[in-house]
């Protein structure tokens, strides 16, 4: 008998499984209930809902700033049913949007039904995009104005009185304009992160030769690099004295560590119901003395204030 050739059968391929949706990444930095759509729109999260190194740093800065602003909002809400926060130099309104989301939608969902956050920004295209995003997300109590900080001081589009003024990385004299706005609009609190101060350094540079003859302190800004750095430092000192002369209690701290940003000085100013007249006068006197000793008398109009009893204070 002839041998029977065995039959060989090929296994039938298993049907392909439909692709499974990828699990959403778990991001420890996000707060429960926080708007993922908002963070994607602000490009803090990627389309896949992930953070990269740069956006993680940005998110950390805003969170850290929120830790300082949240108690101020709670304090204002205790006495004012519809407080107003104005964010100057808003840019893409990272700060305003995340403040709104974390405070109204996360920390006090359904509880704080009044109050407004207003972003002030000079670039019309950013204002338009912010308005569209706020409408899409249902952030009904956000508004955006296409104004410079200086223009905002005289604009009828803003209320005569506001409660909190913020200015995150408002460049050079824009921080001073934000302070002027806060003073003119009787703000209770100001939260400032100055950036790129150049005006004072320019005045120091012009009078450097005379200052070097007059005082050894001018060695602090003899070299160009030191002029820039010292100019930035003394600018913020003058701002703090100015705020104190207007009755504010001032705290200066870091926004984030130096490894995240070199522009990390945070000035917190709050005005008590009954400021100390003696402290206001002392700050005004010290401010005027410092302007004179540093050769900065040309900036009297920007920083100096009338002494208590001699003017509006």
C-alpha atoms as a PDB file:
ATOM      1  CA  UNK A   1       0.000   0.000   0.000  1.00  0.00           C
ATOM      2  CA  UNK A   2       1.122   3.455  -0.767  1.00  0.00           C
ATOM      3  CA  UNK A   3       1.782   5.784   2.154  1.00  0.00           C
ATOM      4  CA  UNK A   4      -0.898   8.336   2.866  1.00  0.00           C
ATOM      5  CA  UNK A   5       0.417  11.834   2.710  1.00  0.00           C
ATOM      6  CA  UNK A   6      -0.741  13.724   5.854  1.00  0.00           C
ATOM      7  CA  UNK A   7      -2.753  16.840   5.306  1.00  0.00           C
ATOM      8  CA  UNK A   8      -1.401  20.101   6.727  1.00  0.00           C
ATOM      9  CA  UNK A   9      -3.892  22.714   7.813  1.00  0.00           C
ATOM     10  CA  UNK A  10      -3.041  26.409   8.312  1.00  0.00           C
ATOM     11  CA  UNK A  11      -4.494  27.981  11.399  1.00  0.00           C
ATOM     12  CA  UNK A  12      -7.119  30.572  10.566  1.00  0.00           C
ATOM     13  CA  UNK A  13      -6.081  34.067  11.671  1.00  0.00           C
ATOM     14  CA  UNK A  14      -7.919  35.398  14.688  1.00  0.00           C
ATOM     15  CA  UNK A  15     -10.178  38.347  13.962  1.00  0.00           C
ATOM     16  CA  UNK A  16      -8.483  41.657  14.716  1.00  0.00           C
ATOM     17  CA  UNK A  17      -9.599  43.294  17.940  1.00  0.00           C
ATOM     18  CA  UNK A  18     -10.945  46.792  17.557  1.00  0.00           C
ATOM     19  CA  UNK A  19      -8.479  49.424  18.799  1.00  0.00           C
ATOM     20  CA  UNK A  20      -8.985  50.299  22.441  1.00  0.00           C
ATOM     21  CA  UNK A  21      -9.078  53.957  23.407  1.00  0.00           C
ATOM     22  CA  UNK A  22      -5.924  55.011  25.204  1.00  0.00           C
ATOM     23  CA  UNK A  23      -6.382  55.637  28.870  1.00  0.00           C
ATOM     24  CA  UNK A  24      -6.274  59.295  29.764  1.00  0.00           C
ATOM     25  CA  UNK A  25      -2.937  60.123  31.342  1.00  0.00           C
ATOM     26  CA  UNK A  26      -2.997  60.786  35.058  1.00  0.00           C
ATOM     27  CA  UNK A  27      -1.475  64.188  35.762  1.00  0.00           C
ATOM     28  CA  UNK A  28      -0.787  64.769  39.417  1.00  0.00           C
ATOM     29  CA  UNK A  29      -0.564  68.538  38.926  1.00  0.00           C
ATOM     30  CA  UNK A  30      -4.219  68.895  37.920  1.00  0.00           C
ATOM     31  CA  UNK A  31      -6.871  69.598  40.550  1.00  0.00           C
ATOM     32  CA  UNK A  32     -10.022  67.443  40.675  1.00  0.00           C
ATOM     33  CA  UNK A  33     -12.653  69.069  38.510  1.00  0.00           C
ATOM     34  CA  UNK A  34     -10.223  71.368  36.717  1.00  0.00           C
ATOM     35  CA  UNK A  35     -11.069  72.067  33.074  1.00  0.00           C
ATOM     36  CA  UNK A  36      -8.846  69.935  30.855  1.00  0.00           C
ATOM     37  CA  UNK A  37     -10.302  71.665  27.786  1.00  0.00           C
ATOM     38  CA  UNK A  38      -9.152  75.027  29.135  1.00  0.00           C
ATOM     39  CA  UNK A  39      -5.615  73.781  29.717  1.00  0.00           C
ATOM     40  CA  UNK A  40      -5.491  72.380  26.189  1.00  0.00           C
ATOM     41  CA  UNK A  41      -6.727  75.676  24.747  1.00  0.00           C
ATOM     42  CA  UNK A  42      -4.028  77.528  26.687  1.00  0.00           C
ATOM     43  CA  UNK A  43      -1.469  74.981  25.376  1.00  0.00           C
ATOM     44  CA  UNK A  44      -0.567  73.998  28.907  1.00  0.00           C
ATOM     45  CA  UNK A  45      -1.710  70.473  28.027  1.00  0.00           C
ATOM     46  CA  UNK A  46      -0.985  68.842  24.674  1.00  0.00           C
ATOM     47  CA  UNK A  47      -3.820  67.554  22.494  1.00  0.00           C
ATOM     48  CA  UNK A  48      -3.259  64.172  24.118  1.00  0.00           C
ATOM     49  CA  UNK A  49      -3.732  65.744  27.536  1.00  0.00           C
ATOM     50  CA  UNK A  50      -0.079  65.653  28.582  1.00  0.00           C
ATOM     51  CA  UNK A  51       2.344  68.134  30.122  1.00  0.00           C
ATOM     52  CA  UNK A  52       5.808  68.871  28.837  1.00  0.00           C
ATOM     53  CA  UNK A  53       8.633  70.419  30.810  1.00  0.00           C
ATOM     54  CA  UNK A  54       7.950  73.995  29.740  1.00  0.00           C
ATOM     55  CA  UNK A  55       4.190  73.881  30.352  1.00  0.00           C
ATOM     56  CA  UNK A  56       4.683  72.125  33.678  1.00  0.00           C
ATOM     57  CA  UNK A  57       6.850  75.064  34.734  1.00  0.00           C
ATOM     58  CA  UNK A  58       4.202  77.568  33.578  1.00  0.00           C
ATOM     59  CA  UNK A  59       1.452  75.672  35.388  1.00  0.00           C
ATOM     60  CA  UNK A  60       3.520  75.580  38.566  1.00  0.00           C
ATOM     61  CA  UNK A  61       3.970  79.356  38.457  1.00  0.00           C
ATOM     62  CA  UNK A  62       0.253  80.006  38.047  1.00  0.00           C
ATOM     63  CA  UNK A  63      -0.664  77.511  40.800  1.00  0.00           C
ATOM     64  CA  UNK A  64       1.816  79.104  43.155  1.00  0.00           C
ATOM     65  CA  UNK A  65       0.389  82.542  42.424  1.00  0.00           C
ATOM     66  CA  UNK A  66      -3.137  81.188  42.947  1.00  0.00           C
ATOM     67  CA  UNK A  67      -2.149  80.116  46.466  1.00  0.00           C
ATOM     68  CA  UNK A  68      -1.528  83.785  47.267  1.00  0.00           C
ATOM     69  CA  UNK A  69      -4.607  85.141  45.471  1.00  0.00           C
ATOM     70  CA  UNK A  70      -7.227  82.648  46.689  1.00  0.00           C
ATOM     71  CA  UNK A  71      -7.242  83.911  50.310  1.00  0.00           C
ATOM     72  CA  UNK A  72      -7.489  87.487  49.029  1.00  0.00           C
ATOM     73  CA  UNK A  73     -10.543  86.548  46.969  1.00  0.00           C
ATOM     74  CA  UNK A  74     -12.118  84.816  49.958  1.00  0.00           C
ATOM     75  CA  UNK A  75     -11.410  87.845  52.133  1.00  0.00           C
ATOM     76  CA  UNK A  76     -12.939  90.259  49.619  1.00  0.00           C
ATOM     77  CA  UNK A  77     -15.996  88.058  49.111  1.00  0.00           C
ATOM     78  CA  UNK A  78     -16.627  88.223  52.863  1.00  0.00           C
ATOM     79  CA  UNK A  79     -17.321  91.962  52.617  1.00  0.00           C
ATOM     80  CA  UNK A  80     -18.134  92.485  48.935  1.00  0.00           C
ATOM     81  CA  UNK A  81     -20.829  90.372  47.233  1.00  0.00           C
ATOM     82  CA  UNK A  82     -19.537  91.058  43.715  1.00  0.00           C
ATOM     83  CA  UNK A  83     -15.794  91.782  43.804  1.00  0.00           C
ATOM     84  CA  UNK A  84     -13.778  92.749  40.751  1.00  0.00           C
ATOM     85  CA  UNK A  85     -10.261  91.512  39.944  1.00  0.00           C
ATOM     86  CA  UNK A  86      -8.396  93.288  37.138  1.00  0.00           C
ATOM     87  CA  UNK A  87      -5.445  91.491  35.533  1.00  0.00           C
ATOM     88  CA  UNK A  88      -3.125  93.921  33.730  1.00  0.00           C
ATOM     89  CA  UNK A  89      -0.916  92.864  30.826  1.00  0.00           C
ATOM     90  CA  UNK A  90      -3.047  89.735  30.607  1.00  0.00           C
ATOM     91  CA  UNK A  91      -1.510  88.309  27.405  1.00  0.00           C
ATOM     92  CA  UNK A  92      -3.318  85.040  26.690  1.00  0.00           C
ATOM     93  CA  UNK A  93      -4.976  85.390  30.121  1.00  0.00           C
ATOM     94  CA  UNK A  94      -3.410  82.250  31.601  1.00  0.00           C
ATOM     95  CA  UNK A  95      -3.753  83.747  35.055  1.00  0.00           C
ATOM     96  CA  UNK A  96      -7.310  85.036  34.675  1.00  0.00           C
ATOM     97  CA  UNK A  97      -8.672  81.823  33.164  1.00  0.00           C
ATOM     98  CA  UNK A  98      -7.044  79.533  35.698  1.00  0.00           C
ATOM     99  CA  UNK A  99      -8.069  81.808  38.587  1.00  0.00           C
ATOM    100  CA  UNK A 100     -11.655  81.698  37.350  1.00  0.00           C
ATOM    101  CA  UNK A 101     -11.608  77.933  36.873  1.00  0.00           C
ATOM    102  CA  UNK A 102      -9.943  77.080  40.183  1.00  0.00           C
ATOM    103  CA  UNK A 103     -11.872  79.571  42.301  1.00  0.00           C
ATOM    104  CA  UNK A 104     -15.373  79.581  40.805  1.00  0.00           C
ATOM    105  CA  UNK A 105     -15.585  76.124  39.195  1.00  0.00           C
ATOM    106  CA  UNK A 106     -13.440  74.002  41.522  1.00  0.00           C
ATOM    107  CA  UNK A 107     -13.085  75.520  44.995  1.00  0.00           C
ATOM    108  CA  UNK A 108     -16.542  77.153  45.102  1.00  0.00           C
ATOM    109  CA  UNK A 109     -18.602  75.361  42.492  1.00  0.00           C
ATOM    110  CA  UNK A 110     -22.103  76.825  42.431  1.00  0.00           C
ATOM    111  CA  UNK A 111     -21.432  78.979  45.511  1.00  0.00           C
ATOM    112  CA  UNK A 112     -19.906  82.206  44.212  1.00  0.00           C
ATOM    113  CA  UNK A 113     -22.448  83.395  41.672  1.00  0.00           C
ATOM    114  CA  UNK A 114     -21.183  86.978  41.396  1.00  0.00           C
ATOM    115  CA  UNK A 115     -17.839  88.666  40.930  1.00  0.00           C
ATOM    116  CA  UNK A 116     -15.842  89.389  37.795  1.00  0.00           C
ATOM    117  CA  UNK A 117     -12.348  88.924  36.392  1.00  0.00           C
ATOM    118  CA  UNK A 118     -11.294  91.506  33.790  1.00  0.00           C
ATOM    119  CA  UNK A 119      -8.215  91.059  31.594  1.00  0.00           C
ATOM    120  CA  UNK A 120      -6.508  94.150  30.166  1.00  0.00           C
ATOM    121  CA  UNK A 121      -4.263  93.538  27.137  1.00  0.00           C
ATOM    122  CA  UNK A 122      -2.887  95.698  24.309  1.00  0.00           C
ATOM    123  CA  UNK A 123      -2.831  93.002  21.594  1.00  0.00           C
ATOM    124  CA  UNK A 124      -6.254  92.924  19.946  1.00  0.00           C
ATOM    125  CA  UNK A 125      -5.865  89.380  18.588  1.00  0.00           C
ATOM    126  CA  UNK A 126      -5.248  87.983  22.094  1.00  0.00           C
ATOM    127  CA  UNK A 127      -8.244  89.861  23.476  1.00  0.00           C
ATOM    128  CA  UNK A 128     -10.443  88.430  20.714  1.00  0.00           C
ATOM    129  CA  UNK A 129      -9.229  84.870  21.326  1.00  0.00           C
ATOM    130  CA  UNK A 130      -9.768  85.214  25.072  1.00  0.00           C
ATOM    131  CA  UNK A 131     -13.319  86.436  24.558  1.00  0.00           C
ATOM    132  CA  UNK A 132     -14.089  83.500  22.271  1.00  0.00           C
ATOM    133  CA  UNK A 133     -12.596  80.999  24.715  1.00  0.00           C
ATOM    134  CA  UNK A 134     -14.484  82.408  27.709  1.00  0.00           C
ATOM    135  CA  UNK A 135     -17.740  82.179  25.755  1.00  0.00           C
ATOM    136  CA  UNK A 136     -17.030  78.620  24.638  1.00  0.00           C
ATOM    137  CA  UNK A 137     -16.190  77.476  28.164  1.00  0.00           C
ATOM    138  CA  UNK A 138     -19.110  79.280  29.755  1.00  0.00           C
ATOM    139  CA  UNK A 139     -16.907  81.546  31.885  1.00  0.00           C
ATOM    140  CA  UNK A 140     -19.649  84.161  31.933  1.00  0.00           C
ATOM    141  CA  UNK A 141     -18.071  86.590  34.409  1.00  0.00           C
ATOM    142  CA  UNK A 142     -14.855  87.143  32.511  1.00  0.00           C
ATOM    143  CA  UNK A 143     -14.310  90.248  30.367  1.00  0.00           C
ATOM    144  CA  UNK A 144     -11.384  91.377  28.215  1.00  0.00           C
ATOM    145  CA  UNK A 145     -10.454  94.909  27.218  1.00  0.00           C
ATOM    146  CA  UNK A 146      -8.103  95.945  24.423  1.00  0.00           C
ATOM    147  CA  UNK A 147      -6.251  98.672  26.335  1.00  0.00           C
ATOM    148  CA  UNK A 148      -2.782  99.431  27.602  1.00  0.00           C
ATOM    149  CA  UNK A 149      -2.401  99.507  31.368  1.00  0.00           C
ATOM    150  CA  UNK A 150      -1.987 103.270  31.161  1.00  0.00           C
ATOM    151  CA  UNK A 151      -5.131 103.663  29.036  1.00  0.00           C
ATOM    152  CA  UNK A 152      -7.059 101.601  31.556  1.00  0.00           C
ATOM    153  CA  UNK A 153      -6.445 104.257  34.204  1.00  0.00           C
ATOM    154  CA  UNK A 154      -8.821 106.646  32.432  1.00  0.00           C
ATOM    155  CA  UNK A 155     -11.155 104.153  30.737  1.00  0.00           C
ATOM    156  CA  UNK A 156     -14.869 104.270  31.546  1.00  0.00           C
ATOM    157  CA  UNK A 157     -15.075 100.579  30.563  1.00  0.00           C
ATOM    158  CA  UNK A 158     -13.671  99.697  33.991  1.00  0.00           C
ATOM    159  CA  UNK A 159     -15.469 100.240  37.294  1.00  0.00           C
ATOM    160  CA  UNK A 160     -14.471 103.218  39.415  1.00  0.00           C
ATOM    161  CA  UNK A 161     -13.484 100.877  42.233  1.00  0.00           C
ATOM    162  CA  UNK A 162     -11.896  97.423  42.024  1.00  0.00           C
ATOM    163  CA  UNK A 163     -10.888  94.986  44.729  1.00  0.00           C
ATOM    164  CA  UNK A 164      -7.772  93.174  43.475  1.00  0.00           C
ATOM    165  CA  UNK A 165      -5.197  94.184  40.853  1.00  0.00           C
ATOM    166  CA  UNK A 166      -2.768  91.653  39.402  1.00  0.00           C
ATOM    167  CA  UNK A 167       0.110  92.191  36.996  1.00  0.00           C
ATOM    168  CA  UNK A 168       2.068  89.062  36.097  1.00  0.00           C
ATOM    169  CA  UNK A 169       5.305  89.884  34.242  1.00  0.00           C
ATOM    170  CA  UNK A 170       4.080  93.316  33.153  1.00  0.00           C
ATOM    171  CA  UNK A 171       7.199  94.732  31.522  1.00  0.00           C
ATOM    172  CA  UNK A 172       9.133  97.786  32.696  1.00  0.00           C
ATOM    173  CA  UNK A 173       6.841 100.712  33.568  1.00  0.00           C
ATOM    174  CA  UNK A 174       3.645  98.688  32.948  1.00  0.00           C
ATOM    175  CA  UNK A 175       3.984  97.462  36.533  1.00  0.00           C
ATOM    176  CA  UNK A 176       4.063 101.085  37.702  1.00  0.00           C
ATOM    177  CA  UNK A 177       0.972 101.778  35.600  1.00  0.00           C
ATOM    178  CA  UNK A 178      -0.754  98.825  37.276  1.00  0.00           C
ATOM    179  CA  UNK A 179       0.137 100.271  40.686  1.00  0.00           C
ATOM    180  CA  UNK A 180      -1.206 103.666  39.598  1.00  0.00           C
ATOM    181  CA  UNK A 181      -4.399 101.969  38.417  1.00  0.00           C
ATOM    182  CA  UNK A 182      -4.791 100.165  41.739  1.00  0.00           C
ATOM    183  CA  UNK A 183      -4.291 103.388  43.696  1.00  0.00           C
ATOM    184  CA  UNK A 184      -6.739 105.346  41.529  1.00  0.00           C
ATOM    185  CA  UNK A 185      -9.367 102.602  41.739  1.00  0.00           C
ATOM    186  CA  UNK A 186      -9.016 102.077  45.504  1.00  0.00           C
ATOM    187  CA  UNK A 187      -7.864  98.468  45.272  1.00  0.00           C
ATOM    188  CA  UNK A 188      -7.707  96.516  48.518  1.00  0.00           C
ATOM    189  CA  UNK A 189      -4.981  94.200  47.264  1.00  0.00           C
ATOM    190  CA  UNK A 190      -2.272  94.219  44.589  1.00  0.00           C
ATOM    191  CA  UNK A 191      -0.345  91.167  43.408  1.00  0.00           C
ATOM    192  CA  UNK A 192       2.633  92.093  41.228  1.00  0.00           C
ATOM    193  CA  UNK A 193       5.377  90.119  39.488  1.00  0.00           C
ATOM    194  CA  UNK A 194       7.574  92.809  37.880  1.00  0.00           C
ATOM    195  CA  UNK A 195       9.571  92.184  34.733  1.00  0.00           C
ATOM    196  CA  UNK A 196      12.331  93.816  32.658  1.00  0.00           C
ATOM    197  CA  UNK A 197      12.681  97.060  34.622  1.00  0.00           C
ATOM    198  CA  UNK A 198      14.742  99.432  32.484  1.00  0.00           C
ATOM    199  CA  UNK A 199      13.639 102.976  33.318  1.00  0.00           C
ATOM    200  CA  UNK A 200      15.523 103.377  36.607  1.00  0.00           C
ATOM    201  CA  UNK A 201      18.649 101.734  35.175  1.00  0.00           C
ATOM    202  CA  UNK A 202      18.562 104.292  32.355  1.00  0.00           C
ATOM    203  CA  UNK A 203      18.482 107.189  34.809  1.00  0.00           C
ATOM    204  CA  UNK A 204      21.302 105.645  36.861  1.00  0.00           C
ATOM    205  CA  UNK A 205      23.348 105.317  33.681  1.00  0.00           C
ATOM    206  CA  UNK A 206      22.892 108.993  32.767  1.00  0.00           C
ATOM    207  CA  UNK A 207      24.051 110.280  36.148  1.00  0.00           C
ATOM    208  CA  UNK A 208      26.714 107.649  36.804  1.00  0.00           C
ATOM    209  CA  UNK A 209      29.780 109.919  36.505  1.00  0.00           C
ATOM    210  CA  UNK A 210      28.347 112.475  38.912  1.00  0.00           C
ATOM    211  CA  UNK A 211      27.252 109.780  41.348  1.00  0.00           C
ATOM    212  CA  UNK A 212      30.711 108.159  41.376  1.00  0.00           C
ATOM    213  CA  UNK A 213      32.226 111.504  42.444  1.00  0.00           C
ATOM    214  CA  UNK A 214      29.571 112.117  45.068  1.00  0.00           C
ATOM    215  CA  UNK A 215      29.244 108.775  46.871  1.00  0.00           C
ATOM    216  CA  UNK A 216      31.003 105.393  47.039  1.00  0.00           C
ATOM    217  CA  UNK A 217      27.547 103.779  46.907  1.00  0.00           C
ATOM    218  CA  UNK A 218      27.627 104.430  43.153  1.00  0.00           C
ATOM    219  CA  UNK A 219      30.086 101.528  42.895  1.00  0.00           C
ATOM    220  CA  UNK A 220      26.957  99.374  43.182  1.00  0.00           C
ATOM    221  CA  UNK A 221      26.087 100.348  39.614  1.00  0.00           C
ATOM    222  CA  UNK A 222      29.447 101.321  38.078  1.00  0.00           C
ATOM    223  CA  UNK A 223      29.544  98.358  35.671  1.00  0.00           C
ATOM    224  CA  UNK A 224      26.833  97.994  32.996  1.00  0.00           C
ATOM    225  CA  UNK A 225      25.684  94.576  34.207  1.00  0.00           C
ATOM    226  CA  UNK A 226      25.426  95.870  37.765  1.00  0.00           C
ATOM    227  CA  UNK A 227      23.568  98.955  36.526  1.00  0.00           C
ATOM    228  CA  UNK A 228      20.916  96.736  35.006  1.00  0.00           C
ATOM    229  CA  UNK A 229      20.639  94.427  38.012  1.00  0.00           C
ATOM    230  CA  UNK A 230      20.797  97.163  40.625  1.00  0.00           C
ATOM    231  CA  UNK A 231      18.321  99.233  38.615  1.00  0.00           C
ATOM    232  CA  UNK A 232      15.870  96.335  38.693  1.00  0.00           C
ATOM    233  CA  UNK A 233      16.373  95.844  42.424  1.00  0.00           C
ATOM    234  CA  UNK A 234      16.009  99.503  43.373  1.00  0.00           C
ATOM    235  CA  UNK A 235      12.907  99.809  41.156  1.00  0.00           C
ATOM    236  CA  UNK A 236      11.087  97.233  43.245  1.00  0.00           C
ATOM    237  CA  UNK A 237      12.312  98.822  46.477  1.00  0.00           C
ATOM    238  CA  UNK A 238      10.860 102.152  45.324  1.00  0.00           C
ATOM    239  CA  UNK A 239       7.581 100.468  44.402  1.00  0.00           C
ATOM    240  CA  UNK A 240       7.294  98.899  47.825  1.00  0.00           C
ATOM    241  CA  UNK A 241       7.935 102.221  49.565  1.00  0.00           C
ATOM    242  CA  UNK A 242       5.387 103.889  47.303  1.00  0.00           C
ATOM    243  CA  UNK A 243       2.753 101.311  48.236  1.00  0.00           C
ATOM    244  CA  UNK A 244       3.593 101.641  51.933  1.00  0.00           C
ATOM    245  CA  UNK A 245       3.310 105.432  51.679  1.00  0.00           C
ATOM    246  CA  UNK A 246      -0.231 104.884  50.413  1.00  0.00           C
ATOM    247  CA  UNK A 247      -1.099 102.734  53.423  1.00  0.00           C
ATOM    248  CA  UNK A 248      -0.457  99.260  52.050  1.00  0.00           C
ATOM    249  CA  UNK A 249       1.223  96.522  54.032  1.00  0.00           C
ATOM    250  CA  UNK A 250       3.773  94.915  51.716  1.00  0.00           C
ATOM    251  CA  UNK A 251       5.326  91.456  51.559  1.00  0.00           C
ATOM    252  CA  UNK A 252       8.043  90.515  49.061  1.00  0.00           C
ATOM    253  CA  UNK A 253       8.698  86.856  48.326  1.00  0.00           C
ATOM    254  CA  UNK A 254       9.513  84.424  45.504  1.00  0.00           C
ATOM    255  CA  UNK A 255       6.926  83.415  42.961  1.00  0.00           C
ATOM    256  CA  UNK A 256       8.816  80.199  42.178  1.00  0.00           C
ATOM    257  CA  UNK A 257      12.369  78.984  42.641  1.00  0.00           C
ATOM    258  CA  UNK A 258      15.181  80.483  40.586  1.00  0.00           C
ATOM    259  CA  UNK A 259      15.468  77.248  38.644  1.00  0.00           C
ATOM    260  CA  UNK A 260      12.085  77.993  37.038  1.00  0.00           C
ATOM    261  CA  UNK A 261      12.307  81.710  36.278  1.00  0.00           C
ATOM    262  CA  UNK A 262      14.672  84.611  36.872  1.00  0.00           C
ATOM    263  CA  UNK A 263      11.663  86.943  36.920  1.00  0.00           C
ATOM    264  CA  UNK A 264      10.305  85.578  40.145  1.00  0.00           C
ATOM    265  CA  UNK A 265       9.942  88.454  42.602  1.00  0.00           C
ATOM    266  CA  UNK A 266       6.403  88.627  43.953  1.00  0.00           C
ATOM    267  CA  UNK A 267       5.121  91.805  45.622  1.00  0.00           C
ATOM    268  CA  UNK A 268       1.961  91.388  47.696  1.00  0.00           C
ATOM    269  CA  UNK A 269       0.316  94.575  48.936  1.00  0.00           C
ATOM    270  CA  UNK A 270      -2.836  94.799  51.054  1.00  0.00           C
ATOM    271  CA  UNK A 271      -4.416  97.945  52.468  1.00  0.00           C
ATOM    272  CA  UNK A 272      -6.012  97.566  55.910  1.00  0.00           C
ATOM    273  CA  UNK A 273      -9.200  99.383  56.786  1.00  0.00           C
ATOM    274  CA  UNK A 274      -7.260 101.788  59.029  1.00  0.00           C
ATOM    275  CA  UNK A 275      -3.704 102.272  57.712  1.00  0.00           C
ATOM    276  CA  UNK A 276      -1.087 103.676  60.078  1.00  0.00           C
ATOM    277  CA  UNK A 277      -0.573 107.387  59.314  1.00  0.00           C
ATOM    278  CA  UNK A 278       2.828 107.272  61.001  1.00  0.00           C
ATOM    279  CA  UNK A 279       3.965 104.328  58.850  1.00  0.00           C
ATOM    280  CA  UNK A 280       2.692 106.061  55.711  1.00  0.00           C
ATOM    281  CA  UNK A 281       4.607 109.242  56.499  1.00  0.00           C
ATOM    282  CA  UNK A 282       7.797 107.343  57.352  1.00  0.00           C
ATOM    283  CA  UNK A 283       7.633 105.432  54.048  1.00  0.00           C
ATOM    284  CA  UNK A 284       7.032 108.637  52.060  1.00  0.00           C
ATOM    285  CA  UNK A 285      10.006 110.337  53.729  1.00  0.00           C
ATOM    286  CA  UNK A 286      12.274 107.341  53.156  1.00  0.00           C
ATOM    287  CA  UNK A 287      11.162 107.174  49.520  1.00  0.00           C
ATOM    288  CA  UNK A 288      12.046 110.821  48.886  1.00  0.00           C
ATOM    289  CA  UNK A 289      15.405 110.431  50.640  1.00  0.00           C
ATOM    290  CA  UNK A 290      16.252 107.367  48.589  1.00  0.00           C
ATOM    291  CA  UNK A 291      15.375 109.078  45.302  1.00  0.00           C
ATOM    292  CA  UNK A 292      17.692 111.943  46.237  1.00  0.00           C
ATOM    293  CA  UNK A 293      20.617 109.817  47.396  1.00  0.00           C
ATOM    294  CA  UNK A 294      20.459 107.542  44.362  1.00  0.00           C
ATOM    295  CA  UNK A 295      20.401 110.448  41.915  1.00  0.00           C
ATOM    296  CA  UNK A 296      16.875 109.559  40.831  1.00  0.00           C
ATOM    297  CA  UNK A 297      15.182 112.896  41.423  1.00  0.00           C
ATOM    298  CA  UNK A 298      14.018 112.856  37.792  1.00  0.00           C
ATOM    299  CA  UNK A 299      11.624 110.044  38.813  1.00  0.00           C
ATOM    300  CA  UNK A 300       9.914 111.997  41.595  1.00  0.00           C
ATOM    301  CA  UNK A 301       6.774 112.225  39.501  1.00  0.00           C
ATOM    302  CA  UNK A 302       6.552 108.447  39.136  1.00  0.00           C
ATOM    303  CA  UNK A 303       7.362 107.275  42.643  1.00  0.00           C
ATOM    304  CA  UNK A 304       7.170 110.051  45.211  1.00  0.00           C
ATOM    305  CA  UNK A 305       3.926 110.802  47.081  1.00  0.00           C
ATOM    306  CA  UNK A 306       2.846 113.775  49.213  1.00  0.00           C
ATOM    307  CA  UNK A 307       3.660 113.452  52.885  1.00  0.00           C
ATOM    308  CA  UNK A 308       0.734 112.717  55.188  1.00  0.00           C
ATOM    309  CA  UNK A 309      -0.767 116.060  56.162  1.00  0.00           C
ATOM    310  CA  UNK A 310       0.595 117.787  53.043  1.00  0.00           C
ATOM    311  CA  UNK A 311      -1.522 116.205  50.362  1.00  0.00           C
ATOM    312  CA  UNK A 312      -4.146 113.628  49.558  1.00  0.00           C
ATOM    313  CA  UNK A 313      -2.828 110.834  51.768  1.00  0.00           C
END
